[in-house]
Structures are given as structure tokens and as C-alpha cells.
Amino acid sequence: SVPGLHFLGAPAFHSFGPLCRFVSGTGFAARALTRRIAGS
């Protein structure tokens, strides 16, 4: 609902699941964020 505002870590749990609550989720989050912003 607010384009350009991103949430990483535990707040992403509801949308993307348990991995976002752990350090091992940093790879998924960082790559997904970068793809979205880079546009490719």
C-alpha cells in the first residue's frame, strides 16, 4: 500500500514465512530487495 517502503526481518514473517525471523533469511531478503529496486 506504500510503494517504496520495504520491511526486512521479522515484520516480513506474515507475507514470506518463518525464514524472515532468522539470520539465514538475510540472503533471500537482500536478493529480493535488490531485484525489485534494480528492476532486473
PDB file of all heavy atoms in Angstrom:
ATOM      1  N   SER A   1       0.799  -1.225   0.000  1.00  0.00           N
ATOM      2  CA  SER A   1       0.000   0.000   0.000  1.00  0.00           C
ATOM      3  C   SER A   1       0.834   1.279   0.000  1.00  0.00           C
ATOM      4  O   SER A   1       0.294   2.358  -0.256  1.00  0.00           O
ATOM      5  CB  SER A   1      -0.937   0.019   1.215  1.00  0.00           C
ATOM      6  OG  SER A   1      -0.197  -0.093   2.422  1.00  0.00           O
ATOM      7  N   VAL A   2       2.141   1.169   0.299  1.00  0.00           N
ATOM      8  CA  VAL A   2       3.027   2.339   0.296  1.00  0.00           C
ATOM      9  C   VAL A   2       4.229   2.012  -0.587  1.00  0.00           C
ATOM     10  O   VAL A   2       5.232   1.461  -0.112  1.00  0.00           O
ATOM     11  CB  VAL A   2       3.500   2.712   1.718  1.00  0.00           C
ATOM     12  CG1 VAL A   2       4.368   3.973   1.680  1.00  0.00           C
ATOM     13  CG2 VAL A   2       2.317   2.914   2.654  1.00  0.00           C
ATOM     14  N   PRO A   3       4.168   2.287  -1.874  1.00  0.00           N
ATOM     15  CA  PRO A   3       5.287   1.982  -2.769  1.00  0.00           C
ATOM     16  C   PRO A   3       6.580   2.634  -2.288  1.00  0.00           C
ATOM     17  O   PRO A   3       6.593   3.783  -1.837  1.00  0.00           O
ATOM     18  CB  PRO A   3       4.829   2.587  -4.109  1.00  0.00           C
ATOM     19  CG  PRO A   3       3.345   2.620  -4.018  1.00  0.00           C
ATOM     20  CD  PRO A   3       3.031   2.916  -2.580  1.00  0.00           C
ATOM     21  N   GLY A   4       7.663   1.848  -2.348  1.00  0.00           N
ATOM     22  CA  GLY A   4       8.966   2.367  -1.951  1.00  0.00           C
ATOM     23  C   GLY A   4       9.323   2.134  -0.502  1.00  0.00           C
ATOM     24  O   GLY A   4      10.451   2.406  -0.097  1.00  0.00           O
ATOM     25  N   LEU A   5       8.375   1.604   0.284  1.00  0.00           N
ATOM     26  CA  LEU A   5       8.652   1.312   1.690  1.00  0.00           C
ATOM     27  C   LEU A   5       8.795  -0.197   1.852  1.00  0.00           C
ATOM     28  O   LEU A   5       7.859  -0.951   1.546  1.00  0.00           O
ATOM     29  CB  LEU A   5       7.519   1.839   2.574  1.00  0.00           C
ATOM     30  CG  LEU A   5       7.691   1.658   4.089  1.00  0.00           C
ATOM     31  CD1 LEU A   5       8.915   2.405   4.595  1.00  0.00           C
ATOM     32  CD2 LEU A   5       6.430   2.116   4.827  1.00  0.00           C
ATOM     33  N   HIS A   6       9.954  -0.638   2.328  1.00  0.00           N
ATOM     34  CA  HIS A   6      10.262  -2.066   2.446  1.00  0.00           C
ATOM     35  C   HIS A   6      10.495  -2.427   3.909  1.00  0.00           C
ATOM     36  O   HIS A   6      11.010  -1.627   4.686  1.00  0.00           O
ATOM     37  CB  HIS A   6      11.519  -2.408   1.641  1.00  0.00           C
ATOM     38  CG  HIS A   6      11.437  -2.037   0.189  1.00  0.00           C
ATOM     39  ND1 HIS A   6      11.237  -2.962  -0.806  1.00  0.00           N
ATOM     40  CD2 HIS A   6      11.531  -0.815  -0.435  1.00  0.00           C
ATOM     41  CE1 HIS A   6      11.209  -2.354  -1.984  1.00  0.00           C
ATOM     42  NE2 HIS A   6      11.391  -1.045  -1.777  1.00  0.00           N
ATOM     43  N   PHE A   7      10.165  -3.674   4.260  1.00  0.00           N
ATOM     44  CA  PHE A   7      10.371  -4.175   5.619  1.00  0.00           C
ATOM     45  C   PHE A   7      11.142  -5.491   5.544  1.00  0.00           C
ATOM     46  O   PHE A   7      10.692  -6.453   4.902  1.00  0.00           O
ATOM     47  CB  PHE A   7       9.040  -4.409   6.334  1.00  0.00           C
ATOM     48  CG  PHE A   7       8.292  -3.158   6.665  1.00  0.00           C
ATOM     49  CD1 PHE A   7       7.445  -2.572   5.723  1.00  0.00           C
ATOM     50  CD2 PHE A   7       8.431  -2.550   7.909  1.00  0.00           C
ATOM     51  CE1 PHE A   7       6.748  -1.410   6.019  1.00  0.00           C
ATOM     52  CE2 PHE A   7       7.733  -1.385   8.209  1.00  0.00           C
ATOM     53  CZ  PHE A   7       6.892  -0.822   7.273  1.00  0.00           C
ATOM     54  N   LEU A   8      12.287  -5.555   6.233  1.00  0.00           N
ATOM     55  CA  LEU A   8      13.095  -6.771   6.266  1.00  0.00           C
ATOM     56  C   LEU A   8      13.053  -7.378   7.663  1.00  0.00           C
ATOM     57  O   LEU A   8      12.820  -6.687   8.657  1.00  0.00           O
ATOM     58  CB  LEU A   8      14.542  -6.466   5.887  1.00  0.00           C
ATOM     59  CG  LEU A   8      14.796  -5.720   4.576  1.00  0.00           C
ATOM     60  CD1 LEU A   8      16.297  -5.693   4.276  1.00  0.00           C
ATOM     61  CD2 LEU A   8      14.024  -6.326   3.420  1.00  0.00           C
ATOM     62  N   GLY A   9      13.335  -8.675   7.741  1.00  0.00           N
ATOM     63  CA  GLY A   9      13.374  -9.343   9.033  1.00  0.00           C
ATOM     64  C   GLY A   9      11.998  -9.764   9.497  1.00  0.00           C
ATOM     65  O   GLY A   9      11.099 -10.039   8.697  1.00  0.00           O
ATOM     66  N   ALA A  10      11.807  -9.800  10.818  1.00  0.00           N
ATOM     67  CA  ALA A  10      10.579 -10.326  11.413  1.00  0.00           C
ATOM     68  C   ALA A  10       9.292  -9.714  10.873  1.00  0.00           C
ATOM     69  O   ALA A  10       8.292 -10.431  10.725  1.00  0.00           O
ATOM     70  CB  ALA A  10      10.650 -10.186  12.932  1.00  0.00           C
ATOM     71  N   PRO A  11       9.220  -8.404  10.558  1.00  0.00           N
ATOM     72  CA  PRO A  11       7.973  -7.872  10.012  1.00  0.00           C
ATOM     73  C   PRO A  11       7.538  -8.506   8.697  1.00  0.00           C
ATOM     74  O   PRO A  11       6.372  -8.385   8.305  1.00  0.00           O
ATOM     75  CB  PRO A  11       8.283  -6.379   9.829  1.00  0.00           C
ATOM     76  CG  PRO A  11       9.294  -6.086  10.882  1.00  0.00           C
ATOM     77  CD  PRO A  11      10.170  -7.315  10.890  1.00  0.00           C
ATOM     78  N   ALA A  12       8.447  -9.196   7.999  1.00  0.00           N
ATOM     79  CA  ALA A  12       8.095  -9.864   6.740  1.00  0.00           C
ATOM     80  C   ALA A  12       7.548 -11.272   6.967  1.00  0.00           C
ATOM     81  O   ALA A  12       7.181 -11.957   6.007  1.00  0.00           O
ATOM     82  CB  ALA A  12       9.317  -9.920   5.829  1.00  0.00           C
ATOM     83  N   PHE A  13       7.487 -11.701   8.214  1.00  0.00           N
ATOM     84  CA  PHE A  13       7.068 -13.065   8.545  1.00  0.00           C
ATOM     85  C   PHE A  13       5.686 -13.396   7.991  1.00  0.00           C
ATOM     86  O   PHE A  13       5.469 -14.470   7.413  1.00  0.00           O
ATOM     87  CB  PHE A  13       7.084 -13.235  10.066  1.00  0.00           C
ATOM     88  CG  PHE A  13       6.482 -14.515  10.575  1.00  0.00           C
ATOM     89  CD1 PHE A  13       7.232 -15.676  10.656  1.00  0.00           C
ATOM     90  CD2 PHE A  13       5.150 -14.567  10.988  1.00  0.00           C
ATOM     91  CE1 PHE A  13       6.680 -16.858  11.128  1.00  0.00           C
ATOM     92  CE2 PHE A  13       4.581 -15.734  11.460  1.00  0.00           C
ATOM     93  CZ  PHE A  13       5.357 -16.883  11.538  1.00  0.00           C
ATOM     94  N   HIS A  14       4.719 -12.507   8.152  1.00  0.00           N
ATOM     95  CA  HIS A  14       3.348 -12.793   7.738  1.00  0.00           C
ATOM     96  C   HIS A  14       3.249 -13.029   6.236  1.00  0.00           C
ATOM     97  O   HIS A  14       2.496 -13.897   5.778  1.00  0.00           O
ATOM     98  CB  HIS A  14       2.424 -11.649   8.148  1.00  0.00           C
ATOM     99  CG  HIS A  14       0.971 -11.912   7.911  1.00  0.00           C
ATOM    100  ND1 HIS A  14       0.362 -11.706   6.689  1.00  0.00           N
ATOM    101  CD2 HIS A  14       0.000 -12.394   8.738  1.00  0.00           C
ATOM    102  CE1 HIS A  14      -0.921 -12.035   6.773  1.00  0.00           C
ATOM    103  NE2 HIS A  14      -1.164 -12.446   8.001  1.00  0.00           N
ATOM    104  N   SER A  15       4.023 -12.280   5.457  1.00  0.00           N
ATOM    105  CA  SER A  15       3.944 -12.388   3.996  1.00  0.00           C
ATOM    106  C   SER A  15       4.861 -13.455   3.417  1.00  0.00           C
ATOM    107  O   SER A  15       4.505 -14.107   2.430  1.00  0.00           O
ATOM    108  CB  SER A  15       4.287 -11.031   3.363  1.00  0.00           C
ATOM    109  OG  SER A  15       3.348 -10.045   3.725  1.00  0.00           O
ATOM    110  N   PHE A  16       6.034 -13.660   4.029  1.00  0.00           N
ATOM    111  CA  PHE A  16       7.027 -14.546   3.421  1.00  0.00           C
ATOM    112  C   PHE A  16       7.470 -15.708   4.304  1.00  0.00           C
ATOM    113  O   PHE A  16       8.325 -16.490   3.901  1.00  0.00           O
ATOM    114  CB  PHE A  16       8.241 -13.729   2.978  1.00  0.00           C
ATOM    115  CG  PHE A  16       7.964 -12.848   1.795  1.00  0.00           C
ATOM    116  CD1 PHE A  16       7.581 -11.529   1.964  1.00  0.00           C
ATOM    117  CD2 PHE A  16       8.061 -13.348   0.507  1.00  0.00           C
ATOM    118  CE1 PHE A  16       7.307 -10.713   0.875  1.00  0.00           C
ATOM    119  CE2 PHE A  16       7.791 -12.542  -0.596  1.00  0.00           C
ATOM    120  CZ  PHE A  16       7.408 -11.229  -0.410  1.00  0.00           C
ATOM    121  N   GLY A  17       6.942 -15.815   5.499  1.00  0.00           N
ATOM    122  CA  GLY A  17       7.170 -17.007   6.289  1.00  0.00           C
ATOM    123  C   GLY A  17       8.301 -16.954   7.293  1.00  0.00           C
ATOM    124  O   GLY A  17       8.980 -15.937   7.465  1.00  0.00           O
ATOM    125  N   PRO A  18       8.517 -18.088   7.983  1.00  0.00           N
ATOM    126  CA  PRO A  18       9.433 -18.177   9.124  1.00  0.00           C
ATOM    127  C   PRO A  18      10.877 -17.820   8.836  1.00  0.00           C
ATOM    128  O   PRO A  18      11.583 -17.382   9.741  1.00  0.00           O
ATOM    129  CB  PRO A  18       9.317 -19.643   9.564  1.00  0.00           C
ATOM    130  CG  PRO A  18       7.988 -20.085   9.056  1.00  0.00           C
ATOM    131  CD  PRO A  18       7.782 -19.353   7.770  1.00  0.00           C
ATOM    132  N   LEU A  19      11.354 -18.017   7.600  1.00  0.00           N
ATOM    133  CA  LEU A  19      12.764 -17.755   7.314  1.00  0.00           C
ATOM    134  C   LEU A  19      13.141 -16.313   7.654  1.00  0.00           C
ATOM    135  O   LEU A  19      14.276 -16.036   8.053  1.00  0.00           O
ATOM    136  CB  LEU A  19      13.069 -18.041   5.843  1.00  0.00           C
ATOM    137  CG  LEU A  19      14.540 -17.949   5.438  1.00  0.00           C
ATOM    138  CD1 LEU A  19      15.370 -19.006   6.149  1.00  0.00           C
ATOM    139  CD2 LEU A  19      14.693 -18.076   3.928  1.00  0.00           C
ATOM    140  N   CYS A  20      12.180 -15.414   7.545  1.00  0.00           N
ATOM    141  CA  CYS A  20      12.456 -13.993   7.768  1.00  0.00           C
ATOM    142  C   CYS A  20      12.749 -13.668   9.230  1.00  0.00           C
ATOM    143  O   CYS A  20      13.173 -12.548   9.539  1.00  0.00           O
ATOM    144  CB  CYS A  20      11.284 -13.151   7.278  1.00  0.00           C
ATOM    145  SG  CYS A  20      10.977 -13.318   5.501  1.00  0.00           S
ATOM    146  N   ARG A  21      12.530 -14.619  10.125  1.00  0.00           N
ATOM    147  CA  ARG A  21      12.803 -14.380  11.532  1.00  0.00           C
ATOM    148  C   ARG A  21      14.215 -14.777  11.925  1.00  0.00           C
ATOM    149  O   ARG A  21      14.608 -14.610  13.076  1.00  0.00           O
ATOM    150  CB  ARG A  21      11.803 -15.164  12.392  1.00  0.00           C
ATOM    151  CG  ARG A  21      10.399 -14.621  12.325  1.00  0.00           C
ATOM    152  CD  ARG A  21       9.414 -15.470  13.095  1.00  0.00           C
ATOM    153  NE  ARG A  21       9.837 -15.751  14.460  1.00  0.00           N
ATOM    154  CZ  ARG A  21       9.133 -16.471  15.327  1.00  0.00           C
ATOM    155  NH1 ARG A  21       7.971 -16.988  14.958  1.00  0.00           N
ATOM    156  NH2 ARG A  21       9.575 -16.683  16.542  1.00  0.00           N
ATOM    157  N   PHE A  22      14.992 -15.305  10.979  1.00  0.00           N
ATOM    158  CA  PHE A  22      16.307 -15.852  11.302  1.00  0.00           C
ATOM    159  C   PHE A  22      17.391 -15.213  10.446  1.00  0.00           C
ATOM    160  O   PHE A  22      17.125 -14.723   9.343  1.00  0.00           O
ATOM    161  CB  PHE A  22      16.308 -17.369  11.100  1.00  0.00           C
ATOM    162  CG  PHE A  22      15.338 -18.099  11.998  1.00  0.00           C
ATOM    163  CD1 PHE A  22      14.007 -18.254  11.630  1.00  0.00           C
ATOM    164  CD2 PHE A  22      15.748 -18.600  13.220  1.00  0.00           C
ATOM    165  CE1 PHE A  22      13.110 -18.909  12.459  1.00  0.00           C
ATOM    166  CE2 PHE A  22      14.867 -19.260  14.059  1.00  0.00           C
ATOM    167  CZ  PHE A  22      13.546 -19.411  13.676  1.00  0.00           C
ATOM    168  N   VAL A  23      18.624 -15.261  10.945  1.00  0.00           N
ATOM    169  CA  VAL A  23      19.758 -14.704  10.206  1.00  0.00           C
ATOM    170  C   VAL A  23      19.893 -15.357   8.840  1.00  0.00           C
ATOM    171  O   VAL A  23      20.278 -14.707   7.856  1.00  0.00           O
ATOM    172  CB  VAL A  23      21.062 -14.874  11.018  1.00  0.00           C
ATOM    173  CG1 VAL A  23      22.279 -14.438  10.196  1.00  0.00           C
ATOM    174  CG2 VAL A  23      20.992 -14.058  12.307  1.00  0.00           C
ATOM    175  N   SER A  24      19.557 -16.630   8.740  1.00  0.00           N
ATOM    176  CA  SER A  24      19.686 -17.336   7.458  1.00  0.00           C
ATOM    177  C   SER A  24      18.744 -16.788   6.393  1.00  0.00           C
ATOM    178  O   SER A  24      18.867 -17.147   5.218  1.00  0.00           O
ATOM    179  CB  SER A  24      19.455 -18.837   7.646  1.00  0.00           C
ATOM    180  OG  SER A  24      18.171 -19.090   8.191  1.00  0.00           O
ATOM    181  N   GLY A  25      17.812 -15.917   6.781  1.00  0.00           N
ATOM    182  CA  GLY A  25      16.925 -15.301   5.806  1.00  0.00           C
ATOM    183  C   GLY A  25      17.489 -14.053   5.162  1.00  0.00           C
ATOM    184  O   GLY A  25      16.863 -13.475   4.269  1.00  0.00           O
ATOM    185  N   THR A  26      18.683 -13.618   5.583  1.00  0.00           N
ATOM    186  CA  THR A  26      19.243 -12.385   5.017  1.00  0.00           C
ATOM    187  C   THR A  26      19.508 -12.504   3.523  1.00  0.00           C
ATOM    188  O   THR A  26      19.347 -11.528   2.788  1.00  0.00           O
ATOM    189  CB  THR A  26      20.547 -11.988   5.733  1.00  0.00           C
ATOM    190  OG1 THR A  26      21.491 -13.073   5.663  1.00  0.00           O
ATOM    191  CG2 THR A  26      20.285 -11.643   7.201  1.00  0.00           C
ATOM    192  N   GLY A  27      19.889 -13.687   3.069  1.00  0.00           N
ATOM    193  CA  GLY A  27      20.173 -13.861   1.647  1.00  0.00           C
ATOM    194  C   GLY A  27      18.939 -13.667   0.795  1.00  0.00           C
ATOM    195  O   GLY A  27      18.958 -12.925  -0.196  1.00  0.00           O
ATOM    196  N   PHE A  28      17.845 -14.335   1.166  1.00  0.00           N
ATOM    197  CA  PHE A  28      16.601 -14.170   0.416  1.00  0.00           C
ATOM    198  C   PHE A  28      16.167 -12.715   0.413  1.00  0.00           C
ATOM    199  O   PHE A  28      15.836 -12.140  -0.632  1.00  0.00           O
ATOM    200  CB  PHE A  28      15.488 -15.031   1.015  1.00  0.00           C
ATOM    201  CG  PHE A  28      14.118 -14.545   0.636  1.00  0.00           C
ATOM    202  CD1 PHE A  28      13.635 -14.733  -0.646  1.00  0.00           C
ATOM    203  CD2 PHE A  28      13.338 -13.833   1.546  1.00  0.00           C
ATOM    204  CE1 PHE A  28      12.382 -14.227  -1.022  1.00  0.00           C
ATOM    205  CE2 PHE A  28      12.103 -13.334   1.201  1.00  0.00           C
ATOM    206  CZ  PHE A  28      11.620 -13.529  -0.093  1.00  0.00           C
ATOM    207  N   ALA A  29      16.134 -12.092   1.579  1.00  0.00           N
ATOM    208  CA  ALA A  29      15.631 -10.725   1.684  1.00  0.00           C
ATOM    209  C   ALA A  29      16.470  -9.752   0.871  1.00  0.00           C
ATOM    210  O   ALA A  29      15.935  -8.898   0.147  1.00  0.00           O
ATOM    211  CB  ALA A  29      15.598 -10.305   3.158  1.00  0.00           C
ATOM    212  N   ALA A  30      17.791  -9.845   0.992  1.00  0.00           N
ATOM    213  CA  ALA A  30      18.668  -8.900   0.292  1.00  0.00           C
ATOM    214  C   ALA A  30      18.576  -9.068  -1.221  1.00  0.00           C
ATOM    215  O   ALA A  30      18.556  -8.076  -1.967  1.00  0.00           O
ATOM    216  CB  ALA A  30      20.109  -9.087   0.764  1.00  0.00           C
ATOM    217  N   ARG A  31      18.508 -10.317  -1.699  1.00  0.00           N
ATOM    218  CA  ARG A  31      18.411 -10.539  -3.144  1.00  0.00           C
ATOM    219  C   ARG A  31      17.063 -10.074  -3.690  1.00  0.00           C
ATOM    220  O   ARG A  31      16.988  -9.455  -4.754  1.00  0.00           O
ATOM    221  CB  ARG A  31      18.661 -12.011  -3.466  1.00  0.00           C
ATOM    222  CG  ARG A  31      20.107 -12.452  -3.232  1.00  0.00           C
ATOM    223  CD  ARG A  31      20.370 -13.824  -3.823  1.00  0.00           C
ATOM    224  NE  ARG A  31      19.622 -14.862  -3.138  1.00  0.00           N
ATOM    225  CZ  ARG A  31      20.051 -15.539  -2.082  1.00  0.00           C
ATOM    226  NH1 ARG A  31      21.235 -15.245  -1.554  1.00  0.00           N
ATOM    227  NH2 ARG A  31      19.316 -16.495  -1.546  1.00  0.00           N
ATOM    228  N   ALA A  32      15.981 -10.378  -2.945  1.00  0.00           N
ATOM    229  CA  ALA A  32      14.653  -9.957  -3.397  1.00  0.00           C
ATOM    230  C   ALA A  32      14.542  -8.442  -3.438  1.00  0.00           C
ATOM    231  O   ALA A  32      13.998  -7.862  -4.389  1.00  0.00           O
ATOM    232  CB  ALA A  32      13.585 -10.555  -2.473  1.00  0.00           C
ATOM    233  N   LEU A  33      15.064  -7.787  -2.428  1.00  0.00           N
ATOM    234  CA  LEU A  33      15.051  -6.329  -2.374  1.00  0.00           C
ATOM    235  C   LEU A  33      15.840  -5.742  -3.541  1.00  0.00           C
ATOM    236  O   LEU A  33      15.384  -4.809  -4.221  1.00  0.00           O
ATOM    237  CB  LEU A  33      15.652  -5.869  -1.047  1.00  0.00           C
ATOM    238  CG  LEU A  33      15.849  -4.365  -0.856  1.00  0.00           C
ATOM    239  CD1 LEU A  33      14.510  -3.675  -0.671  1.00  0.00           C
ATOM    240  CD2 LEU A  33      16.762  -4.099   0.347  1.00  0.00           C
ATOM    241  N   THR A  34      17.016  -6.279  -3.782  1.00  0.00           N
ATOM    242  CA  THR A  34      17.876  -5.760  -4.842  1.00  0.00           C
ATOM    243  C   THR A  34      17.248  -5.961  -6.211  1.00  0.00           C
ATOM    244  O   THR A  34      17.294  -5.070  -7.072  1.00  0.00           O
ATOM    245  CB  THR A  34      19.259  -6.424  -4.782  1.00  0.00           C
ATOM    246  OG1 THR A  34      19.825  -6.220  -3.482  1.00  0.00           O
ATOM    247  CG2 THR A  34      20.195  -5.858  -5.835  1.00  0.00           C
ATOM    248  N   ARG A  35      16.650  -7.131  -6.450  1.00  0.00           N
ATOM    249  CA  ARG A  35      15.975  -7.364  -7.728  1.00  0.00           C
ATOM    250  C   ARG A  35      14.860  -6.345  -7.940  1.00  0.00           C
ATOM    251  O   ARG A  35      14.679  -5.819  -9.038  1.00  0.00           O
ATOM    252  CB  ARG A  35      15.405  -8.780  -7.781  1.00  0.00           C
ATOM    253  CG  ARG A  35      16.435  -9.879  -7.974  1.00  0.00           C
ATOM    254  CD  ARG A  35      15.774 -11.181  -8.404  1.00  0.00           C
ATOM    255  NE  ARG A  35      14.819 -11.658  -7.416  1.00  0.00           N
ATOM    256  CZ  ARG A  35      15.112 -12.486  -6.405  1.00  0.00           C
ATOM    257  NH1 ARG A  35      16.363 -12.890  -6.255  1.00  0.00           N
ATOM    258  NH2 ARG A  35      14.185 -12.897  -5.578  1.00  0.00           N
ATOM    259  N   ARG A  36      14.103  -6.083  -6.888  1.00  0.00           N
ATOM    260  CA  ARG A  36      12.974  -5.147  -7.021  1.00  0.00           C
ATOM    261  C   ARG A  36      13.471  -3.746  -7.343  1.00  0.00           C
ATOM    262  O   ARG A  36      12.914  -3.068  -8.207  1.00  0.00           O
ATOM    263  CB  ARG A  36      12.178  -5.133  -5.706  1.00  0.00           C
ATOM    264  CG  ARG A  36      11.069  -4.094  -5.668  1.00  0.00           C
ATOM    265  CD  ARG A  36       9.955  -4.461  -6.626  1.00  0.00           C
ATOM    266  NE  ARG A  36       8.926  -3.435  -6.621  1.00  0.00           N
ATOM    267  CZ  ARG A  36       8.884  -2.400  -7.452  1.00  0.00           C
ATOM    268  NH1 ARG A  36       9.840  -2.256  -8.373  1.00  0.00           N
ATOM    269  NH2 ARG A  36       7.901  -1.515  -7.392  1.00  0.00           N
ATOM    270  N   ILE A  37      14.510  -3.308  -6.666  1.00  0.00           N
ATOM    271  CA  ILE A  37      14.984  -1.938  -6.868  1.00  0.00           C
ATOM    272  C   ILE A  37      15.769  -1.806  -8.173  1.00  0.00           C
ATOM    273  O   ILE A  37      15.642  -0.825  -8.901  1.00  0.00           O
ATOM    274  CB  ILE A  37      15.825  -1.487  -5.672  1.00  0.00           C
ATOM    275  CG1 ILE A  37      14.937  -1.453  -4.405  1.00  0.00           C
ATOM    276  CG2 ILE A  37      16.457  -0.127  -5.913  1.00  0.00           C
ATOM    277  CD1 ILE A  37      15.672  -1.115  -3.136  1.00  0.00           C
ATOM    278  N   ALA A  38      16.560  -2.811  -8.480  1.00  0.00           N
ATOM    279  CA  ALA A  38      17.356  -2.759  -9.712  1.00  0.00           C
ATOM    280  C   ALA A  38      16.491  -2.930 -10.944  1.00  0.00           C
ATOM    281  O   ALA A  38      16.866  -2.514 -12.045  1.00  0.00           O
ATOM    282  CB  ALA A  38      18.438  -3.824  -9.671  1.00  0.00           C
ATOM    283  N   GLY A  39      15.333  -3.552 -10.771  1.00  0.00           N
ATOM    284  CA  GLY A  39      14.425  -3.725 -11.907  1.00  0.00           C
ATOM    285  C   GLY A  39      14.812  -4.849 -12.829  1.00  0.00           C
ATOM    286  O   GLY A  39      14.239  -5.006 -13.909  1.00  0.00           O
ATOM    287  N   SER A  40      15.804  -5.646 -12.417  1.00  0.00           N
ATOM    288  CA  SER A  40      16.195  -6.805 -13.223  1.00  0.00           C
ATOM    289  C   SER A  40      16.664  -7.898 -12.292  1.00  0.00           C
ATOM    290  O   SER A  40      17.053  -7.645 -11.158  1.00  0.00           O
ATOM    291  CB  SER A  40      17.325  -6.445 -14.196  1.00  0.00           C
ATOM    292  OG  SER A  40      18.447  -6.001 -13.492  1.00  0.00           O
TER     293      SER A  40
END
